[in-house]
Structure formats: structure tokens, C-alpha cells
Amino acid sequence: MALWTSLSFAGAIIIFASVSWLLLKLLTSIRTQRFALGFVILSQGRRTGLVIIQITALGIALMSLLLILLLRADFLSAWQGNIPSDAPNRFMINVQDNQKQGLIQSLVDAGVSTPQFFPMVRGRLIEINGNEVTPNNYADENARRLVDREFNLSYSDRLPEGNQILSGKWIEGDAPQISMETGIAKTLKLKMGDLLTFEVAGEKSPPRLLLCEN
């Protein structure tokens, strides 16, 4: 897709430049009795290369804007078509215990199925296998961003609905253990059995054993 896009823009540049050159040649061949108009045509004819670049750049910019306007609806429709019909379209965060029952009742009264609640804790990954983690440890820009911010951590005694274990086994017992989304694990180059240490609310947590990817 990137290759076709590049070739398309290259072809557009060639077309715009050729049309601009022909128009300039046509204009310079025109004779006019109006001094101002004749002076403009003459000055543009003397700077053919610069004028062609300006016209071509303007043409490419206008073409890009028109393409965005034309394709926006198609992209949105294609994206919506790939989403399951029952996919959640609203997410609520920071719901307190004393708000749960009222929220559930409001959704049930509105004809929405009973929502699922998951606890959420913000934590920063600070060590892997006892070694300090910093953005400088990674060359990949996405990995650098991940370790430079806090993660959304949650906890549960069972595998959440809609999740599946792709590697390892589900958490069991009371020992510090953790499950991680497979994309994040690959980005950070983590593997089963790694010990991850997080900082939560300014306190260092016990190292957690990576048991599975989901």
C-alpha cells in the first residue's frame, strides 16, 4: 500500500508539473496590451522552475485534502464493518463501590445488559528480573513509550470473559503472579517466567512472575 501510494503521488507530481509547464508556455506566448498583465506573465516566464514547483505543491496539497474528504466515509464504514455488532461502545472508569448499584439499575432500566466491573490500578514497570527498566533499554519507539508511562493493572480470580490464554497457564494460588496482553509482552520482549516489578502509588510491589499471555 505504501508503494502504491508513493507511486501515485509521484505520478501526480509529474502530471501537475507537466500541466504547469504547458500553461506557462501558453501564457508566455500571449501578447497583451495591458502593461500590468504583461509584466506578470513575463516575470512568471522568467522563473519557470520556481513557478512549476509552487503550482505542483499547491496541486498535491489540494489533492490530498480532497482524497481525505472522499475516503473518510469509506474508511469509517470499513472500520465499523470490522467491529462485532455486540462490541462495547462505552467504557466507564473510576466507578466507586457506592455507585455500582445505581449504575447497574440505570443500565438495566435502559435495556442494557448488566455491565461487568473490573478493579483498576495504575502502576509503572520499574524492573524486569531485578534489572532496572528505562526507555533507554529499548530501541523500538513503542516500547520506549510503554515503559515511560503507567500501565492499567487489574486483578481477578478467574480469566475474564472474552479473553483466552495464548501461552502459559492461568494464575493460581496467592503468590505474586501476572498475566499480560500478548502484544505488550512481545513489544517489551518478555517471556514466561520473567519477574516484573511495578511501582504503585509510589510503593514498590513484590516481583510478579509472568505466568501467561492472553
N, C-alpha and C. Protein backbone atom coordinates (compact mmCIF):
# COMPACT_ATOMS: atom_id res chain seq x y z
N MET A 1 0.82 -1.21 0.00
CA MET A 1 0.00 0.00 0.00
C MET A 1 0.86 1.27 0.00
N ALA A 2 1.94 1.22 0.80
CA ALA A 2 2.85 2.37 0.85
C ALA A 2 3.50 2.60 -0.52
N LEU A 3 3.86 1.48 -1.20
CA LEU A 3 4.48 1.60 -2.52
C LEU A 3 3.52 2.20 -3.53
N TRP A 4 2.27 1.72 -3.53
CA TRP A 4 1.28 2.25 -4.46
C TRP A 4 0.98 3.71 -4.17
N THR A 5 0.92 4.06 -2.90
CA THR A 5 0.68 5.47 -2.54
C THR A 5 1.82 6.35 -3.03
N SER A 6 3.05 5.89 -2.83
CA SER A 6 4.22 6.67 -3.28
C SER A 6 4.22 6.82 -4.79
N LEU A 7 3.93 5.73 -5.50
CA LEU A 7 3.89 5.79 -6.96
C LEU A 7 2.78 6.71 -7.46
N SER A 8 1.64 6.69 -6.76
CA SER A 8 0.52 7.54 -7.15
C SER A 8 0.87 9.02 -6.99
N PHE A 9 1.49 9.35 -5.87
CA PHE A 9 1.88 10.74 -5.65
C PHE A 9 2.98 11.16 -6.64
N ALA A 10 3.89 10.23 -6.94
CA ALA A 10 4.93 10.55 -7.93
C ALA A 10 4.31 10.82 -9.29
N GLY A 11 3.32 10.00 -9.67
CA GLY A 11 2.62 10.24 -10.94
C GLY A 11 1.87 11.56 -10.93
N ALA A 12 1.24 11.88 -9.81
CA ALA A 12 0.52 13.15 -9.70
C ALA A 12 1.47 14.33 -9.83
N ILE A 13 2.65 14.22 -9.22
CA ILE A 13 3.65 15.30 -9.32
C ILE A 13 4.07 15.51 -10.77
N ILE A 14 4.30 14.40 -11.48
CA ILE A 14 4.70 14.50 -12.89
C ILE A 14 3.60 15.17 -13.71
N ILE A 15 2.35 14.77 -13.47
CA ILE A 15 1.23 15.34 -14.22
C ILE A 15 1.07 16.83 -13.92
N PHE A 16 1.10 17.20 -12.64
CA PHE A 16 0.96 18.60 -12.27
C PHE A 16 2.10 19.45 -12.84
N ALA A 17 3.30 18.92 -12.75
CA ALA A 17 4.45 19.66 -13.27
C ALA A 17 4.34 19.84 -14.79
N SER A 18 3.90 18.81 -15.50
CA SER A 18 3.77 18.90 -16.96
C SER A 18 2.70 19.90 -17.36
N VAL A 19 1.55 19.82 -16.67
CA VAL A 19 0.46 20.77 -16.97
C VAL A 19 0.90 22.20 -16.66
N SER A 20 1.61 22.39 -15.55
CA SER A 20 2.09 23.72 -15.18
C SER A 20 3.04 24.26 -16.24
N TRP A 21 3.93 23.42 -16.73
CA TRP A 21 4.89 23.84 -17.76
C TRP A 21 4.18 24.25 -19.05
N LEU A 22 3.17 23.45 -19.44
CA LEU A 22 2.42 23.77 -20.66
C LEU A 22 1.64 25.09 -20.50
N LEU A 23 1.04 25.29 -19.33
CA LEU A 23 0.30 26.53 -19.10
C LEU A 23 1.22 27.75 -19.13
N LEU A 24 2.41 27.60 -18.56
CA LEU A 24 3.35 28.72 -18.58
C LEU A 24 3.80 29.03 -19.99
N LYS A 25 4.06 27.98 -20.77
CA LYS A 25 4.43 28.21 -22.17
C LYS A 25 3.32 28.90 -22.94
N LEU A 26 2.08 28.50 -22.65
CA LEU A 26 0.93 29.11 -23.32
C LEU A 26 0.78 30.57 -22.92
N LEU A 27 0.96 30.85 -21.63
CA LEU A 27 0.83 32.22 -21.15
C LEU A 27 1.90 33.14 -21.71
N THR A 28 3.13 32.65 -21.78
CA THR A 28 4.22 33.49 -22.28
C THR A 28 4.09 33.78 -23.77
N SER A 29 3.31 32.95 -24.47
CA SER A 29 3.11 33.20 -25.91
C SER A 29 2.00 34.21 -26.17
N ILE A 30 1.26 34.55 -25.09
CA ILE A 30 0.15 35.50 -25.25
C ILE A 30 0.69 36.93 -25.23
N ARG A 31 0.22 37.73 -26.15
CA ARG A 31 0.59 39.14 -26.20
C ARG A 31 -0.59 39.96 -25.72
N THR A 32 -0.33 40.86 -24.82
CA THR A 32 -1.41 41.68 -24.29
C THR A 32 -0.98 43.14 -24.25
N GLN A 33 -1.96 44.02 -24.40
CA GLN A 33 -1.69 45.46 -24.38
C GLN A 33 -1.68 46.01 -22.96
N ARG A 34 -2.14 45.22 -21.99
CA ARG A 34 -2.17 45.67 -20.61
C ARG A 34 -0.79 45.48 -19.97
N PHE A 35 -0.24 46.59 -19.52
CA PHE A 35 1.13 46.56 -19.01
C PHE A 35 1.25 45.65 -17.79
N ALA A 36 0.32 45.78 -16.83
CA ALA A 36 0.41 45.01 -15.58
C ALA A 36 0.34 43.51 -15.86
N LEU A 37 -0.64 43.12 -16.69
CA LEU A 37 -0.79 41.71 -17.00
C LEU A 37 0.42 41.19 -17.77
N GLY A 38 0.90 41.99 -18.71
CA GLY A 38 2.07 41.58 -19.47
C GLY A 38 3.30 41.43 -18.59
N PHE A 39 3.44 42.32 -17.61
CA PHE A 39 4.59 42.24 -16.69
C PHE A 39 4.52 40.98 -15.84
N VAL A 40 3.30 40.62 -15.37
CA VAL A 40 3.14 39.41 -14.56
C VAL A 40 3.49 38.17 -15.37
N ILE A 41 2.98 38.12 -16.60
CA ILE A 41 3.26 36.96 -17.46
C ILE A 41 4.75 36.84 -17.75
N LEU A 42 5.39 37.97 -18.02
CA LEU A 42 6.81 37.97 -18.32
C LEU A 42 7.64 37.52 -17.12
N SER A 43 7.28 38.00 -15.92
CA SER A 43 8.04 37.64 -14.71
C SER A 43 7.88 36.16 -14.37
N GLN A 44 6.66 35.64 -14.58
CA GLN A 44 6.45 34.22 -14.31
C GLN A 44 7.21 33.35 -15.31
N GLY A 45 7.28 33.82 -16.56
CA GLY A 45 8.01 33.07 -17.57
C GLY A 45 9.50 33.01 -17.31
N ARG A 46 10.03 34.01 -16.63
CA ARG A 46 11.47 34.02 -16.33
C ARG A 46 11.81 33.11 -15.15
N ARG A 47 10.83 32.76 -14.34
CA ARG A 47 11.07 31.89 -13.18
C ARG A 47 10.27 30.59 -13.33
N THR A 48 10.43 29.96 -14.45
CA THR A 48 9.63 28.78 -14.78
C THR A 48 9.76 27.67 -13.73
N GLY A 49 10.98 27.36 -13.34
CA GLY A 49 11.20 26.27 -12.40
C GLY A 49 10.52 26.51 -11.06
N LEU A 50 10.68 27.73 -10.52
CA LEU A 50 10.07 28.05 -9.23
C LEU A 50 8.55 28.02 -9.30
N VAL A 51 8.00 28.56 -10.38
CA VAL A 51 6.55 28.59 -10.54
C VAL A 51 5.98 27.17 -10.65
N ILE A 52 6.67 26.31 -11.39
CA ILE A 52 6.22 24.92 -11.54
C ILE A 52 6.20 24.22 -10.18
N ILE A 53 7.24 24.44 -9.38
CA ILE A 53 7.30 23.84 -8.04
C ILE A 53 6.14 24.32 -7.18
N GLN A 54 5.86 25.62 -7.22
CA GLN A 54 4.78 26.18 -6.41
C GLN A 54 3.42 25.63 -6.84
N ILE A 55 3.17 25.60 -8.14
CA ILE A 55 1.89 25.09 -8.64
C ILE A 55 1.73 23.61 -8.31
N THR A 56 2.81 22.85 -8.49
CA THR A 56 2.77 21.41 -8.21
C THR A 56 2.50 21.16 -6.73
N ALA A 57 3.18 21.89 -5.85
CA ALA A 57 2.98 21.73 -4.41
C ALA A 57 1.54 22.06 -4.01
N LEU A 58 1.01 23.14 -4.59
CA LEU A 58 -0.38 23.50 -4.29
C LEU A 58 -1.34 22.44 -4.80
N GLY A 59 -1.07 21.90 -5.99
CA GLY A 59 -1.93 20.86 -6.54
C GLY A 59 -1.92 19.59 -5.69
N ILE A 60 -0.73 19.18 -5.20
CA ILE A 60 -0.62 18.00 -4.35
C ILE A 60 -1.37 18.21 -3.03
N ALA A 61 -1.24 19.42 -2.45
CA ALA A 61 -1.93 19.71 -1.19
C ALA A 61 -3.44 19.65 -1.36
N LEU A 62 -3.95 20.26 -2.44
CA LEU A 62 -5.39 20.23 -2.69
C LEU A 62 -5.87 18.81 -2.96
N MET A 63 -5.07 18.04 -3.70
CA MET A 63 -5.44 16.66 -3.99
C MET A 63 -5.53 15.84 -2.71
N SER A 64 -4.58 16.05 -1.79
CA SER A 64 -4.58 15.31 -0.52
C SER A 64 -5.82 15.64 0.30
N LEU A 65 -6.18 16.92 0.35
CA LEU A 65 -7.37 17.32 1.10
C LEU A 65 -8.63 16.70 0.50
N LEU A 66 -8.72 16.70 -0.82
CA LEU A 66 -9.89 16.11 -1.48
C LEU A 66 -9.95 14.61 -1.24
N LEU A 67 -8.79 13.93 -1.27
CA LEU A 67 -8.76 12.49 -1.02
C LEU A 67 -9.25 12.18 0.40
N ILE A 68 -8.82 13.01 1.36
CA ILE A 68 -9.25 12.79 2.74
C ILE A 68 -10.77 12.93 2.85
N LEU A 69 -11.32 13.95 2.21
CA LEU A 69 -12.76 14.17 2.26
C LEU A 69 -13.52 13.02 1.60
N LEU A 70 -12.99 12.52 0.48
CA LEU A 70 -13.68 11.47 -0.26
C LEU A 70 -13.57 10.11 0.43
N LEU A 71 -12.40 9.82 1.03
CA LEU A 71 -12.16 8.50 1.59
C LEU A 71 -12.55 8.38 3.06
N ARG A 72 -12.79 9.51 3.72
CA ARG A 72 -13.10 9.47 5.14
C ARG A 72 -14.31 8.58 5.43
N ALA A 73 -15.36 8.78 4.66
CA ALA A 73 -16.59 7.99 4.88
C ALA A 73 -16.34 6.51 4.62
N ASP A 74 -15.54 6.19 3.57
CA ASP A 74 -15.24 4.79 3.26
C ASP A 74 -14.43 4.15 4.38
N PHE A 75 -13.43 4.86 4.88
CA PHE A 75 -12.61 4.32 5.97
C PHE A 75 -13.45 4.07 7.21
N LEU A 76 -14.34 5.01 7.53
CA LEU A 76 -15.18 4.87 8.71
C LEU A 76 -16.12 3.68 8.56
N SER A 77 -16.70 3.52 7.36
CA SER A 77 -17.61 2.40 7.13
C SER A 77 -16.87 1.06 7.21
N ALA A 78 -15.65 1.01 6.64
CA ALA A 78 -14.86 -0.22 6.69
C ALA A 78 -14.49 -0.58 8.12
N TRP A 79 -14.12 0.44 8.90
CA TRP A 79 -13.77 0.20 10.31
C TRP A 79 -14.98 -0.30 11.09
N GLN A 80 -16.14 0.33 10.89
CA GLN A 80 -17.34 -0.09 11.60
C GLN A 80 -17.77 -1.49 11.18
N GLY A 81 -17.52 -1.85 9.92
CA GLY A 81 -17.89 -3.17 9.44
C GLY A 81 -17.07 -4.29 10.05
N ASN A 82 -15.85 -3.96 10.56
CA ASN A 82 -14.99 -4.97 11.17
C ASN A 82 -15.25 -5.15 12.66
N ILE A 83 -16.12 -4.34 13.23
CA ILE A 83 -16.41 -4.41 14.66
C ILE A 83 -17.64 -5.29 14.88
N PRO A 84 -17.57 -6.25 15.79
CA PRO A 84 -18.75 -7.08 16.07
C PRO A 84 -19.93 -6.22 16.49
N SER A 85 -21.13 -6.67 16.14
CA SER A 85 -22.33 -5.88 16.42
C SER A 85 -22.57 -5.69 17.91
N ASP A 86 -22.06 -6.63 18.73
CA ASP A 86 -22.29 -6.53 20.17
C ASP A 86 -21.07 -5.99 20.92
N ALA A 87 -20.13 -5.39 20.19
CA ALA A 87 -18.93 -4.86 20.84
C ALA A 87 -19.28 -3.66 21.72
N PRO A 88 -18.65 -3.53 22.89
CA PRO A 88 -18.92 -2.38 23.76
C PRO A 88 -18.53 -1.08 23.05
N ASN A 89 -19.34 -0.06 23.22
CA ASN A 89 -19.01 1.24 22.63
C ASN A 89 -18.90 2.32 23.70
N ARG A 90 -19.02 1.94 24.96
CA ARG A 90 -18.85 2.88 26.06
C ARG A 90 -18.07 2.19 27.18
N PHE A 91 -17.13 2.91 27.75
CA PHE A 91 -16.36 2.39 28.87
C PHE A 91 -16.40 3.42 29.99
N MET A 92 -16.69 2.98 31.19
CA MET A 92 -16.74 3.87 32.35
C MET A 92 -15.59 3.53 33.29
N ILE A 93 -14.91 4.54 33.79
CA ILE A 93 -13.81 4.33 34.72
C ILE A 93 -14.07 5.11 36.01
N ASN A 94 -13.36 4.73 37.05
CA ASN A 94 -13.44 5.39 38.35
C ASN A 94 -14.84 5.28 38.97
N VAL A 95 -15.51 4.12 38.75
CA VAL A 95 -16.81 3.88 39.37
C VAL A 95 -16.57 3.40 40.80
N GLN A 96 -17.11 4.10 41.78
CA GLN A 96 -16.93 3.76 43.18
C GLN A 96 -17.93 2.70 43.62
N ASP A 97 -17.62 2.03 44.75
CA ASP A 97 -18.49 0.94 45.24
C ASP A 97 -19.91 1.41 45.50
N ASN A 98 -20.05 2.62 46.04
CA ASN A 98 -21.39 3.10 46.37
C ASN A 98 -22.16 3.58 45.13
N GLN A 99 -21.51 3.54 43.97
CA GLN A 99 -22.18 3.97 42.73
C GLN A 99 -22.58 2.78 41.86
N LYS A 100 -22.08 1.59 42.18
CA LYS A 100 -22.29 0.44 41.32
C LYS A 100 -23.77 0.09 41.17
N GLN A 101 -24.48 -0.04 42.29
CA GLN A 101 -25.86 -0.49 42.23
C GLN A 101 -26.74 0.48 41.45
N GLY A 102 -26.57 1.78 41.68
CA GLY A 102 -27.35 2.76 40.94
C GLY A 102 -27.04 2.74 39.46
N LEU A 103 -25.77 2.54 39.12
CA LEU A 103 -25.37 2.48 37.71
C LEU A 103 -25.95 1.24 37.03
N ILE A 104 -25.86 0.11 37.72
CA ILE A 104 -26.42 -1.14 37.17
C ILE A 104 -27.91 -0.98 36.92
N GLN A 105 -28.63 -0.42 37.89
CA GLN A 105 -30.08 -0.27 37.76
C GLN A 105 -30.42 0.66 36.60
N SER A 106 -29.65 1.73 36.43
CA SER A 106 -29.90 2.68 35.33
C SER A 106 -29.73 1.99 33.98
N LEU A 107 -28.70 1.16 33.86
CA LEU A 107 -28.45 0.48 32.59
C LEU A 107 -29.51 -0.58 32.32
N VAL A 108 -29.90 -1.31 33.36
CA VAL A 108 -30.95 -2.33 33.20
C VAL A 108 -32.26 -1.67 32.79
N ASP A 109 -32.60 -0.55 33.42
CA ASP A 109 -33.83 0.17 33.07
C ASP A 109 -33.79 0.67 31.63
N ALA A 110 -32.59 0.93 31.13
CA ALA A 110 -32.44 1.43 29.75
C ALA A 110 -32.37 0.29 28.74
N GLY A 111 -32.48 -0.96 29.22
CA GLY A 111 -32.46 -2.10 28.31
C GLY A 111 -31.08 -2.62 27.99
N VAL A 112 -30.08 -2.18 28.76
CA VAL A 112 -28.71 -2.63 28.55
C VAL A 112 -28.42 -3.79 29.50
N SER A 113 -27.67 -4.77 29.03
CA SER A 113 -27.35 -5.91 29.89
C SER A 113 -26.49 -5.48 31.07
N THR A 114 -26.48 -6.29 32.10
CA THR A 114 -25.74 -5.96 33.31
C THR A 114 -24.25 -5.81 32.99
N PRO A 115 -23.64 -4.70 33.35
CA PRO A 115 -22.23 -4.47 32.99
C PRO A 115 -21.30 -5.29 33.87
N GLN A 116 -20.08 -5.48 33.37
CA GLN A 116 -19.03 -6.12 34.14
C GLN A 116 -18.13 -5.05 34.74
N PHE A 117 -17.75 -5.26 36.01
CA PHE A 117 -16.86 -4.32 36.68
C PHE A 117 -15.52 -4.98 36.94
N PHE A 118 -14.45 -4.24 36.67
CA PHE A 118 -13.10 -4.74 36.91
C PHE A 118 -12.32 -3.70 37.71
N PRO A 119 -11.63 -4.13 38.76
CA PRO A 119 -10.80 -3.18 39.50
C PRO A 119 -9.64 -2.70 38.65
N MET A 120 -9.20 -1.49 38.84
CA MET A 120 -8.11 -0.95 38.04
C MET A 120 -7.12 -0.22 38.94
N VAL A 121 -5.84 -0.51 38.73
CA VAL A 121 -4.76 0.12 39.48
C VAL A 121 -3.72 0.62 38.48
N ARG A 122 -3.24 1.82 38.71
CA ARG A 122 -2.20 2.39 37.84
C ARG A 122 -0.84 2.04 38.43
N GLY A 123 0.04 1.46 37.60
CA GLY A 123 1.37 1.09 38.08
C GLY A 123 2.41 1.25 36.98
N ARG A 124 3.63 1.55 37.36
CA ARG A 124 4.73 1.73 36.42
C ARG A 124 5.70 0.54 36.52
N LEU A 125 6.05 -0.04 35.39
CA LEU A 125 7.02 -1.14 35.36
C LEU A 125 8.41 -0.57 35.59
N ILE A 126 9.06 -1.01 36.68
CA ILE A 126 10.36 -0.43 37.03
C ILE A 126 11.51 -1.44 36.96
N GLU A 127 11.19 -2.75 37.02
CA GLU A 127 12.25 -3.76 36.96
C GLU A 127 11.77 -5.00 36.21
N ILE A 128 12.69 -5.62 35.49
CA ILE A 128 12.46 -6.92 34.86
C ILE A 128 13.59 -7.85 35.29
N ASN A 129 13.24 -8.91 36.00
CA ASN A 129 14.23 -9.85 36.54
C ASN A 129 15.28 -9.14 37.39
N GLY A 130 14.83 -8.15 38.15
CA GLY A 130 15.74 -7.44 39.04
C GLY A 130 16.54 -6.34 38.39
N ASN A 131 16.43 -6.16 37.08
CA ASN A 131 17.16 -5.11 36.38
C ASN A 131 16.25 -3.91 36.14
N GLU A 132 16.79 -2.72 36.40
CA GLU A 132 16.00 -1.50 36.24
C GLU A 132 15.57 -1.32 34.78
N VAL A 133 14.34 -0.86 34.59
CA VAL A 133 13.77 -0.65 33.25
C VAL A 133 13.67 0.85 32.99
N THR A 134 14.25 1.29 31.88
CA THR A 134 14.13 2.68 31.45
C THR A 134 13.88 2.68 29.94
N PRO A 135 13.38 3.78 29.39
CA PRO A 135 13.18 3.85 27.94
C PRO A 135 14.45 3.62 27.15
N ASN A 136 15.61 3.91 27.74
CA ASN A 136 16.88 3.73 27.03
C ASN A 136 17.22 2.26 26.80
N ASN A 137 16.50 1.35 27.48
CA ASN A 137 16.74 -0.08 27.28
C ASN A 137 16.18 -0.59 25.96
N TYR A 138 15.36 0.22 25.30
CA TYR A 138 14.67 -0.23 24.08
C TYR A 138 14.96 0.70 22.92
N ALA A 139 15.11 0.10 21.74
CA ALA A 139 15.28 0.89 20.52
C ALA A 139 13.93 1.19 19.88
N ASP A 140 12.97 0.28 20.08
CA ASP A 140 11.64 0.46 19.49
C ASP A 140 10.91 1.62 20.18
N GLU A 141 10.37 2.53 19.39
CA GLU A 141 9.73 3.72 19.93
C GLU A 141 8.49 3.37 20.74
N ASN A 142 7.72 2.37 20.30
CA ASN A 142 6.52 1.98 21.02
C ASN A 142 6.87 1.41 22.39
N ALA A 143 7.94 0.61 22.46
CA ALA A 143 8.38 0.06 23.73
C ALA A 143 8.86 1.16 24.68
N ARG A 144 9.54 2.16 24.13
CA ARG A 144 10.01 3.27 24.95
C ARG A 144 8.84 4.03 25.57
N ARG A 145 7.77 4.20 24.77
CA ARG A 145 6.59 4.89 25.31
C ARG A 145 5.92 4.07 26.40
N LEU A 146 5.87 2.74 26.21
CA LEU A 146 5.20 1.89 27.18
C LEU A 146 5.86 1.95 28.56
N VAL A 147 7.19 1.86 28.58
CA VAL A 147 7.88 1.82 29.87
C VAL A 147 8.02 3.23 30.47
N ASP A 148 7.68 4.24 29.68
CA ASP A 148 7.78 5.61 30.18
C ASP A 148 6.47 6.11 30.77
N ARG A 149 5.46 5.24 30.82
CA ARG A 149 4.17 5.64 31.38
C ARG A 149 3.66 4.54 32.29
N GLU A 150 2.55 4.82 32.95
CA GLU A 150 1.95 3.84 33.85
C GLU A 150 1.05 2.87 33.09
N PHE A 151 1.00 1.63 33.57
CA PHE A 151 0.12 0.62 33.00
C PHE A 151 -1.20 0.60 33.76
N ASN A 152 -2.26 0.17 33.08
CA ASN A 152 -3.54 -0.09 33.74
C ASN A 152 -3.53 -1.55 34.19
N LEU A 153 -3.45 -1.77 35.49
CA LEU A 153 -3.39 -3.12 36.05
C LEU A 153 -4.73 -3.47 36.67
N SER A 154 -5.09 -4.74 36.58
CA SER A 154 -6.33 -5.21 37.19
C SER A 154 -6.07 -6.56 37.84
N TYR A 155 -7.04 -7.09 38.55
CA TYR A 155 -6.88 -8.39 39.20
C TYR A 155 -8.21 -9.11 39.24
N SER A 156 -8.13 -10.45 39.15
CA SER A 156 -9.33 -11.29 39.13
C SER A 156 -8.92 -12.71 39.48
N ASP A 157 -9.86 -13.47 40.06
CA ASP A 157 -9.56 -14.86 40.40
C ASP A 157 -9.90 -15.82 39.27
N ARG A 158 -10.40 -15.28 38.16
CA ARG A 158 -10.71 -16.13 37.00
C ARG A 158 -10.43 -15.36 35.72
N LEU A 159 -10.26 -16.09 34.64
CA LEU A 159 -9.98 -15.47 33.36
C LEU A 159 -11.19 -14.68 32.90
N PRO A 160 -11.06 -13.39 32.62
CA PRO A 160 -12.22 -12.57 32.22
C PRO A 160 -12.86 -13.08 30.94
N GLU A 161 -14.16 -12.92 30.85
CA GLU A 161 -14.90 -13.33 29.65
C GLU A 161 -14.37 -12.59 28.44
N GLY A 162 -14.21 -13.30 27.33
CA GLY A 162 -13.71 -12.67 26.11
C GLY A 162 -12.20 -12.76 25.97
N ASN A 163 -11.50 -13.26 27.02
CA ASN A 163 -10.05 -13.44 26.96
C ASN A 163 -9.72 -14.91 26.79
N GLN A 164 -8.58 -15.19 26.19
CA GLN A 164 -8.11 -16.56 26.07
C GLN A 164 -6.61 -16.61 26.32
N ILE A 165 -6.17 -17.71 26.90
CA ILE A 165 -4.76 -17.87 27.20
C ILE A 165 -4.04 -18.34 25.94
N LEU A 166 -3.05 -17.59 25.50
CA LEU A 166 -2.29 -17.94 24.30
C LEU A 166 -0.99 -18.64 24.64
N SER A 167 -0.50 -18.43 25.85
CA SER A 167 0.75 -19.06 26.26
C SER A 167 0.78 -19.13 27.78
N GLY A 168 1.34 -20.21 28.32
CA GLY A 168 1.43 -20.35 29.78
C GLY A 168 0.16 -20.89 30.39
N LYS A 169 -0.04 -20.60 31.68
CA LYS A 169 -1.21 -21.11 32.41
C LYS A 169 -1.79 -19.97 33.23
N TRP A 170 -3.07 -20.13 33.63
CA TRP A 170 -3.75 -19.08 34.37
C TRP A 170 -3.21 -18.99 35.81
N ILE A 171 -3.36 -17.81 36.38
CA ILE A 171 -2.87 -17.53 37.72
C ILE A 171 -3.54 -18.45 38.75
N GLU A 172 -2.75 -18.94 39.71
CA GLU A 172 -3.31 -19.78 40.76
C GLU A 172 -2.55 -19.54 42.06
N GLY A 173 -3.23 -19.72 43.18
CA GLY A 173 -2.61 -19.50 44.48
C GLY A 173 -2.50 -18.03 44.83
N ASP A 174 -1.79 -17.75 45.93
CA ASP A 174 -1.68 -16.38 46.43
C ASP A 174 -0.33 -15.73 46.13
N ALA A 175 0.58 -16.46 45.51
CA ALA A 175 1.90 -15.88 45.21
C ALA A 175 1.74 -14.77 44.16
N PRO A 176 2.61 -13.74 44.20
CA PRO A 176 2.52 -12.65 43.21
C PRO A 176 2.74 -13.18 41.79
N GLN A 177 1.71 -13.11 40.98
CA GLN A 177 1.76 -13.59 39.60
C GLN A 177 1.07 -12.57 38.70
N ILE A 178 1.32 -12.68 37.41
CA ILE A 178 0.73 -11.70 36.50
C ILE A 178 0.49 -12.32 35.13
N SER A 179 -0.57 -11.89 34.50
CA SER A 179 -0.88 -12.23 33.11
C SER A 179 -0.77 -10.95 32.29
N MET A 180 -0.27 -11.05 31.06
CA MET A 180 -0.05 -9.85 30.25
C MET A 180 -0.58 -10.04 28.84
N GLU A 181 -1.10 -8.96 28.28
CA GLU A 181 -1.57 -8.97 26.89
C GLU A 181 -0.40 -9.28 25.97
N THR A 182 -0.61 -10.20 25.02
CA THR A 182 0.49 -10.74 24.24
C THR A 182 1.22 -9.68 23.41
N GLY A 183 0.49 -8.67 22.92
CA GLY A 183 1.13 -7.63 22.13
C GLY A 183 2.13 -6.82 22.95
N ILE A 184 1.74 -6.50 24.20
CA ILE A 184 2.64 -5.75 25.08
C ILE A 184 3.85 -6.61 25.43
N ALA A 185 3.61 -7.91 25.70
CA ALA A 185 4.72 -8.80 26.05
C ALA A 185 5.74 -8.88 24.92
N LYS A 186 5.27 -8.96 23.68
CA LYS A 186 6.19 -9.03 22.54
C LYS A 186 6.94 -7.71 22.36
N THR A 187 6.22 -6.61 22.55
CA THR A 187 6.87 -5.30 22.39
C THR A 187 7.99 -5.11 23.39
N LEU A 188 7.75 -5.56 24.64
CA LEU A 188 8.75 -5.41 25.70
C LEU A 188 9.71 -6.61 25.77
N LYS A 189 9.54 -7.57 24.84
CA LYS A 189 10.41 -8.74 24.76
C LYS A 189 10.41 -9.54 26.07
N LEU A 190 9.20 -9.75 26.61
CA LEU A 190 9.04 -10.52 27.83
C LEU A 190 8.75 -11.98 27.49
N LYS A 191 9.08 -12.88 28.41
CA LYS A 191 8.83 -14.31 28.20
C LYS A 191 8.30 -14.92 29.49
N MET A 192 7.74 -16.13 29.36
CA MET A 192 7.20 -16.81 30.52
C MET A 192 8.28 -16.98 31.59
N GLY A 193 7.93 -16.71 32.82
CA GLY A 193 8.86 -16.87 33.92
C GLY A 193 9.62 -15.62 34.30
N ASP A 194 9.47 -14.54 33.53
CA ASP A 194 10.13 -13.28 33.88
C ASP A 194 9.50 -12.72 35.16
N LEU A 195 10.32 -12.05 35.96
CA LEU A 195 9.84 -11.40 37.18
C LEU A 195 9.69 -9.90 36.93
N LEU A 196 8.47 -9.40 37.10
CA LEU A 196 8.16 -8.00 36.82
C LEU A 196 7.87 -7.27 38.13
N THR A 197 8.50 -6.13 38.30
CA THR A 197 8.29 -5.32 39.50
C THR A 197 7.65 -4.00 39.09
N PHE A 198 6.55 -3.66 39.76
CA PHE A 198 5.81 -2.43 39.46
C PHE A 198 5.89 -1.46 40.65
N GLU A 199 5.77 -0.21 40.33
CA GLU A 199 5.64 0.83 41.36
C GLU A 199 4.21 1.34 41.33
N VAL A 200 3.50 1.16 42.44
CA VAL A 200 2.10 1.55 42.53
C VAL A 200 1.95 2.57 43.65
N ALA A 201 1.42 3.73 43.30
CA ALA A 201 1.21 4.80 44.29
C ALA A 201 2.49 5.11 45.06
N GLY A 202 3.63 5.07 44.35
CA GLY A 202 4.90 5.41 44.97
C GLY A 202 5.55 4.29 45.74
N GLU A 203 4.92 3.11 45.81
CA GLU A 203 5.48 1.98 46.54
C GLU A 203 5.86 0.86 45.59
N LYS A 204 6.97 0.21 45.87
CA LYS A 204 7.49 -0.88 45.05
C LYS A 204 6.79 -2.18 45.43
N SER A 205 6.17 -2.83 44.45
CA SER A 205 5.44 -4.07 44.71
C SER A 205 6.40 -5.25 44.68
N PRO A 206 6.01 -6.40 45.28
CA PRO A 206 6.84 -7.61 45.17
C PRO A 206 6.92 -8.04 43.70
N PRO A 207 8.06 -8.61 43.29
CA PRO A 207 8.18 -9.09 41.90
C PRO A 207 7.10 -10.11 41.57
N ARG A 208 6.49 -9.95 40.40
CA ARG A 208 5.40 -10.84 39.98
C ARG A 208 5.87 -11.72 38.84
N LEU A 209 5.58 -13.01 38.96
CA LEU A 209 6.01 -14.00 37.98
C LEU A 209 5.05 -13.96 36.78
N LEU A 210 5.58 -13.78 35.58
CA LEU A 210 4.76 -13.79 34.36
C LEU A 210 4.37 -15.22 34.03
N LEU A 211 3.07 -15.52 34.20
CA LEU A 211 2.60 -16.90 34.04
C LEU A 211 1.95 -17.16 32.67
N CYS A 212 1.29 -16.16 32.10
CA CYS A 212 0.60 -16.42 30.84
C CYS A 212 0.44 -15.14 30.04
N GLU A 213 0.18 -15.31 28.74
CA GLU A 213 -0.15 -14.21 27.84
C GLU A 213 -1.55 -14.45 27.32
N ASN A 214 -2.33 -13.35 27.23
CA ASN A 214 -3.70 -13.51 26.73
C ASN A 214 -3.98 -12.46 25.66
